[in-house]
Amino acid sequence: PMAVPARFLRSEGWTGTPNDELLGEMVALAPASDRWSIPGAEHNDFTFVAYVFPIAHYLGLRGPIDSDTVIALTNGTLTGFFGHHLAGEPELLDPGLPAVGG
């Protein structure tokens, strides 16, 4: 079992894949862990590809979701996670955000 909390962010394309099944097993080993997917996000949306190469979307290197939205969702979920687990703050997740936990 994992003794530390963990949050896993993944692209929508990972949902339901063999990798996602393995990730689910890891999440099950840690009582304070979870996993999130961002609908419309692809693997490269979690990198700086969108900012370094503005034409990345046209080359098929990004998902259809806006880069600023992916960054805002990533920042929001991770800030809430660390604030909760390191500073004891309540984790405030905006239910209007399109990130999906589970």
N, C-alpha and C. Protein backbone atom coordinates (compact mmCIF):
# COMPACT_ATOMS: atom_id res chain seq x y z
N PRO A 1 0.82 -1.21 0.00
CA PRO A 1 0.00 0.00 0.00
C PRO A 1 0.86 1.27 0.00
N MET A 2 0.32 2.30 -0.60
CA MET A 2 0.99 3.60 -0.61
C MET A 2 0.59 4.34 0.65
N ALA A 3 1.57 4.86 1.36
CA ALA A 3 1.30 5.54 2.63
C ALA A 3 1.11 7.04 2.46
N VAL A 4 1.26 7.53 1.25
CA VAL A 4 1.12 8.97 1.02
C VAL A 4 -0.06 9.21 0.07
N PRO A 5 -0.71 10.36 0.20
CA PRO A 5 -1.80 10.67 -0.74
C PRO A 5 -1.25 10.90 -2.14
N ALA A 6 -2.07 10.63 -3.13
CA ALA A 6 -1.64 10.82 -4.52
C ALA A 6 -2.84 11.26 -5.35
N ARG A 7 -2.58 12.12 -6.30
CA ARG A 7 -3.59 12.50 -7.29
C ARG A 7 -3.00 12.26 -8.66
N PHE A 8 -3.72 11.55 -9.48
CA PHE A 8 -3.28 11.24 -10.83
C PHE A 8 -4.18 11.96 -11.82
N LEU A 9 -3.56 12.73 -12.71
CA LEU A 9 -4.29 13.40 -13.78
C LEU A 9 -3.97 12.67 -15.08
N ARG A 10 -5.01 12.43 -15.86
CA ARG A 10 -4.79 11.70 -17.11
C ARG A 10 -5.63 12.31 -18.22
N SER A 11 -5.22 12.04 -19.44
CA SER A 11 -5.99 12.51 -20.58
C SER A 11 -7.24 11.65 -20.73
N GLU A 12 -8.20 12.19 -21.41
CA GLU A 12 -9.45 11.46 -21.63
C GLU A 12 -9.19 10.15 -22.37
N GLY A 13 -8.20 10.16 -23.26
CA GLY A 13 -7.88 8.96 -24.03
C GLY A 13 -7.42 7.78 -23.19
N TRP A 14 -6.97 8.03 -21.98
CA TRP A 14 -6.52 6.94 -21.09
C TRP A 14 -7.67 6.23 -20.42
N THR A 15 -8.83 6.88 -20.34
CA THR A 15 -9.97 6.31 -19.62
C THR A 15 -10.39 4.99 -20.26
N GLY A 16 -10.43 3.95 -19.44
CA GLY A 16 -10.87 2.64 -19.91
C GLY A 16 -9.81 1.82 -20.62
N THR A 17 -8.57 2.27 -20.65
CA THR A 17 -7.49 1.53 -21.31
C THR A 17 -6.79 0.62 -20.31
N PRO A 18 -5.93 -0.31 -20.80
CA PRO A 18 -5.15 -1.13 -19.86
C PRO A 18 -4.31 -0.29 -18.90
N ASN A 19 -3.77 0.84 -19.38
CA ASN A 19 -3.01 1.73 -18.49
C ASN A 19 -3.90 2.29 -17.40
N ASP A 20 -5.14 2.61 -17.74
CA ASP A 20 -6.07 3.14 -16.76
C ASP A 20 -6.42 2.08 -15.72
N GLU A 21 -6.51 0.83 -16.14
CA GLU A 21 -6.76 -0.26 -15.19
C GLU A 21 -5.61 -0.37 -14.20
N LEU A 22 -4.37 -0.27 -14.68
CA LEU A 22 -3.22 -0.30 -13.78
C LEU A 22 -3.24 0.90 -12.83
N LEU A 23 -3.60 2.05 -13.36
CA LEU A 23 -3.69 3.24 -12.52
C LEU A 23 -4.76 3.05 -11.45
N GLY A 24 -5.86 2.42 -11.81
CA GLY A 24 -6.91 2.13 -10.84
C GLY A 24 -6.43 1.23 -9.72
N GLU A 25 -5.57 0.28 -10.06
CA GLU A 25 -5.00 -0.60 -9.03
C GLU A 25 -4.12 0.20 -8.08
N MET A 26 -3.34 1.14 -8.62
CA MET A 26 -2.50 1.99 -7.77
C MET A 26 -3.36 2.86 -6.86
N VAL A 27 -4.42 3.42 -7.39
CA VAL A 27 -5.30 4.27 -6.59
C VAL A 27 -5.94 3.45 -5.47
N ALA A 28 -6.28 2.21 -5.77
CA ALA A 28 -6.90 1.35 -4.76
C ALA A 28 -5.95 1.03 -3.60
N LEU A 29 -4.65 1.14 -3.83
CA LEU A 29 -3.66 0.84 -2.79
C LEU A 29 -3.45 1.99 -1.81
N ALA A 30 -3.91 3.15 -2.16
CA ALA A 30 -3.69 4.32 -1.29
C ALA A 30 -5.04 4.89 -0.86
N PRO A 31 -5.29 4.92 0.43
CA PRO A 31 -6.59 5.40 0.90
C PRO A 31 -6.86 6.87 0.56
N ALA A 32 -5.85 7.68 0.40
CA ALA A 32 -6.05 9.12 0.11
C ALA A 32 -5.57 9.45 -1.29
N SER A 33 -5.97 8.64 -2.27
CA SER A 33 -5.57 8.95 -3.64
C SER A 33 -6.79 8.93 -4.54
N ASP A 34 -6.66 9.60 -5.66
CA ASP A 34 -7.73 9.60 -6.65
C ASP A 34 -7.14 9.84 -8.02
N ARG A 35 -7.97 9.72 -9.02
CA ARG A 35 -7.52 9.98 -10.39
C ARG A 35 -8.57 10.83 -11.09
N TRP A 36 -8.09 11.68 -11.95
CA TRP A 36 -8.95 12.61 -12.67
C TRP A 36 -8.64 12.54 -14.16
N SER A 37 -9.64 12.70 -14.96
CA SER A 37 -9.42 12.85 -16.39
C SER A 37 -10.02 14.19 -16.79
N ILE A 38 -9.50 14.75 -17.85
CA ILE A 38 -10.01 16.02 -18.36
C ILE A 38 -10.58 15.74 -19.75
N PRO A 39 -11.90 15.80 -19.89
CA PRO A 39 -12.52 15.52 -21.19
C PRO A 39 -11.96 16.42 -22.28
N GLY A 40 -11.60 15.80 -23.39
CA GLY A 40 -11.04 16.53 -24.53
C GLY A 40 -9.54 16.69 -24.48
N ALA A 41 -8.92 16.31 -23.38
CA ALA A 41 -7.46 16.44 -23.26
C ALA A 41 -6.75 15.22 -23.83
N GLU A 42 -5.64 15.45 -24.46
CA GLU A 42 -4.76 14.39 -24.93
C GLU A 42 -3.46 14.48 -24.14
N HIS A 43 -2.60 13.50 -24.31
CA HIS A 43 -1.37 13.44 -23.54
C HIS A 43 -0.57 14.75 -23.61
N ASN A 44 -0.37 15.28 -24.79
CA ASN A 44 0.45 16.49 -24.96
C ASN A 44 -0.20 17.74 -24.37
N ASP A 45 -1.48 17.68 -24.07
CA ASP A 45 -2.13 18.84 -23.44
C ASP A 45 -1.61 19.07 -22.03
N PHE A 46 -0.95 18.08 -21.45
CA PHE A 46 -0.38 18.22 -20.11
C PHE A 46 1.08 18.69 -20.17
N THR A 47 1.54 19.06 -21.35
CA THR A 47 2.90 19.55 -21.53
C THR A 47 2.84 20.99 -22.04
N PHE A 48 3.98 21.55 -22.36
CA PHE A 48 4.02 22.91 -22.89
C PHE A 48 3.95 22.95 -24.41
N VAL A 49 3.62 21.83 -25.04
CA VAL A 49 3.55 21.77 -26.49
C VAL A 49 2.65 22.88 -27.04
N ALA A 50 1.51 23.08 -26.41
CA ALA A 50 0.55 24.07 -26.92
C ALA A 50 1.10 25.48 -26.90
N TYR A 51 1.97 25.78 -25.93
CA TYR A 51 2.53 27.12 -25.84
C TYR A 51 3.78 27.29 -26.69
N VAL A 52 4.52 26.23 -26.84
CA VAL A 52 5.75 26.31 -27.62
C VAL A 52 5.45 26.24 -29.12
N PHE A 53 4.47 25.42 -29.47
CA PHE A 53 4.10 25.23 -30.88
C PHE A 53 2.63 25.57 -31.07
N PRO A 54 2.31 26.83 -31.38
CA PRO A 54 0.91 27.23 -31.52
C PRO A 54 0.15 26.43 -32.58
N ILE A 55 0.85 25.82 -33.52
CA ILE A 55 0.16 25.04 -34.55
C ILE A 55 0.01 23.57 -34.16
N ALA A 56 0.33 23.24 -32.92
CA ALA A 56 0.27 21.85 -32.46
C ALA A 56 -1.11 21.24 -32.67
N HIS A 57 -2.15 22.02 -32.47
CA HIS A 57 -3.51 21.51 -32.64
C HIS A 57 -3.72 21.04 -34.09
N TYR A 58 -3.23 21.82 -35.04
CA TYR A 58 -3.41 21.50 -36.45
C TYR A 58 -2.58 20.30 -36.89
N LEU A 59 -1.54 20.00 -36.12
CA LEU A 59 -0.69 18.85 -36.43
C LEU A 59 -1.15 17.58 -35.70
N GLY A 60 -2.23 17.67 -34.97
CA GLY A 60 -2.75 16.53 -34.24
C GLY A 60 -2.00 16.22 -32.95
N LEU A 61 -1.27 17.21 -32.43
CA LEU A 61 -0.48 17.00 -31.21
C LEU A 61 -1.22 17.40 -29.95
N ARG A 62 -2.45 17.86 -30.08
CA ARG A 62 -3.26 18.27 -28.93
C ARG A 62 -4.68 17.80 -29.12
N GLY A 63 -5.40 17.76 -28.01
CA GLY A 63 -6.82 17.46 -28.07
C GLY A 63 -7.61 18.71 -28.41
N PRO A 64 -8.93 18.58 -28.51
CA PRO A 64 -9.76 19.73 -28.89
C PRO A 64 -9.96 20.75 -27.77
N ILE A 65 -9.56 20.43 -26.55
CA ILE A 65 -9.77 21.34 -25.43
C ILE A 65 -8.75 22.48 -25.48
N ASP A 66 -9.17 23.65 -25.06
CA ASP A 66 -8.31 24.83 -25.03
C ASP A 66 -7.18 24.64 -24.01
N SER A 67 -5.97 25.01 -24.37
CA SER A 67 -4.80 24.84 -23.49
C SER A 67 -4.96 25.57 -22.17
N ASP A 68 -5.51 26.78 -22.20
CA ASP A 68 -5.70 27.52 -20.96
C ASP A 68 -6.65 26.79 -20.01
N THR A 69 -7.64 26.11 -20.57
CA THR A 69 -8.58 25.34 -19.75
C THR A 69 -7.88 24.16 -19.09
N VAL A 70 -7.03 23.45 -19.85
CA VAL A 70 -6.29 22.32 -19.28
C VAL A 70 -5.39 22.80 -18.15
N ILE A 71 -4.70 23.90 -18.36
CA ILE A 71 -3.79 24.42 -17.33
C ILE A 71 -4.58 24.87 -16.10
N ALA A 72 -5.72 25.53 -16.30
CA ALA A 72 -6.54 25.96 -15.17
C ALA A 72 -7.06 24.77 -14.38
N LEU A 73 -7.51 23.72 -15.07
CA LEU A 73 -7.99 22.52 -14.39
C LEU A 73 -6.87 21.81 -13.64
N THR A 74 -5.72 21.71 -14.28
CA THR A 74 -4.57 21.08 -13.64
C THR A 74 -4.17 21.85 -12.39
N ASN A 75 -4.03 23.16 -12.53
CA ASN A 75 -3.66 24.00 -11.38
C ASN A 75 -4.70 23.91 -10.27
N GLY A 76 -5.96 23.95 -10.63
CA GLY A 76 -7.02 23.92 -9.63
C GLY A 76 -7.07 22.61 -8.86
N THR A 77 -6.98 21.49 -9.58
CA THR A 77 -7.06 20.20 -8.88
C THR A 77 -5.82 19.95 -8.04
N LEU A 78 -4.65 20.33 -8.55
CA LEU A 78 -3.42 20.09 -7.78
C LEU A 78 -3.28 21.05 -6.60
N THR A 79 -3.66 22.31 -6.79
CA THR A 79 -3.61 23.27 -5.68
C THR A 79 -4.55 22.84 -4.56
N GLY A 80 -5.74 22.41 -4.93
CA GLY A 80 -6.69 21.93 -3.93
C GLY A 80 -6.18 20.69 -3.21
N PHE A 81 -5.60 19.78 -3.97
CA PHE A 81 -5.06 18.54 -3.40
C PHE A 81 -3.95 18.84 -2.39
N PHE A 82 -2.96 19.63 -2.80
CA PHE A 82 -1.84 19.92 -1.91
C PHE A 82 -2.27 20.80 -0.73
N GLY A 83 -3.15 21.76 -0.96
CA GLY A 83 -3.65 22.57 0.14
C GLY A 83 -4.35 21.72 1.19
N HIS A 84 -5.10 20.74 0.72
CA HIS A 84 -5.83 19.85 1.64
C HIS A 84 -4.88 18.93 2.41
N HIS A 85 -3.99 18.28 1.68
CA HIS A 85 -3.13 17.26 2.31
C HIS A 85 -1.91 17.83 3.04
N LEU A 86 -1.45 19.00 2.65
CA LEU A 86 -0.27 19.57 3.31
C LEU A 86 -0.61 20.67 4.31
N ALA A 87 -1.69 21.40 4.05
CA ALA A 87 -2.02 22.52 4.93
C ALA A 87 -3.33 22.32 5.68
N GLY A 88 -4.01 21.20 5.43
CA GLY A 88 -5.25 20.92 6.13
C GLY A 88 -6.43 21.76 5.70
N GLU A 89 -6.32 22.41 4.56
CA GLU A 89 -7.42 23.24 4.05
C GLU A 89 -8.50 22.35 3.44
N PRO A 90 -9.73 22.81 3.45
CA PRO A 90 -10.76 22.02 2.76
C PRO A 90 -10.47 22.05 1.26
N GLU A 91 -10.68 20.94 0.62
CA GLU A 91 -10.43 20.89 -0.82
C GLU A 91 -11.65 21.44 -1.54
N LEU A 92 -11.46 22.55 -2.19
CA LEU A 92 -12.54 23.22 -2.89
C LEU A 92 -12.43 22.94 -4.37
N LEU A 93 -13.30 22.12 -4.86
CA LEU A 93 -13.33 21.82 -6.29
C LEU A 93 -14.60 22.39 -6.87
N ASP A 94 -14.46 23.18 -7.90
CA ASP A 94 -15.60 23.80 -8.56
C ASP A 94 -16.37 22.73 -9.32
N PRO A 95 -17.61 22.45 -8.94
CA PRO A 95 -18.37 21.41 -9.64
C PRO A 95 -18.67 21.77 -11.08
N GLY A 96 -18.46 23.02 -11.46
CA GLY A 96 -18.67 23.43 -12.83
C GLY A 96 -17.51 23.11 -13.75
N LEU A 97 -16.38 22.72 -13.15
CA LEU A 97 -15.21 22.38 -13.97
C LEU A 97 -15.44 21.06 -14.67
N PRO A 98 -14.94 20.91 -15.88
CA PRO A 98 -15.18 19.66 -16.61
C PRO A 98 -14.28 18.50 -16.21
N ALA A 99 -13.39 18.67 -15.24
CA ALA A 99 -12.54 17.55 -14.84
C ALA A 99 -13.40 16.50 -14.16
N VAL A 100 -13.09 15.25 -14.42
CA VAL A 100 -13.89 14.15 -13.90
C VAL A 100 -13.04 13.29 -12.99
N GLY A 101 -13.45 13.14 -11.76
CA GLY A 101 -12.74 12.27 -10.83
C GLY A 101 -13.26 10.85 -10.93
N GLY A 102 -12.42 9.91 -10.56
CA GLY A 102 -12.87 8.51 -10.56
C GLY A 102 -11.90 7.59 -11.18
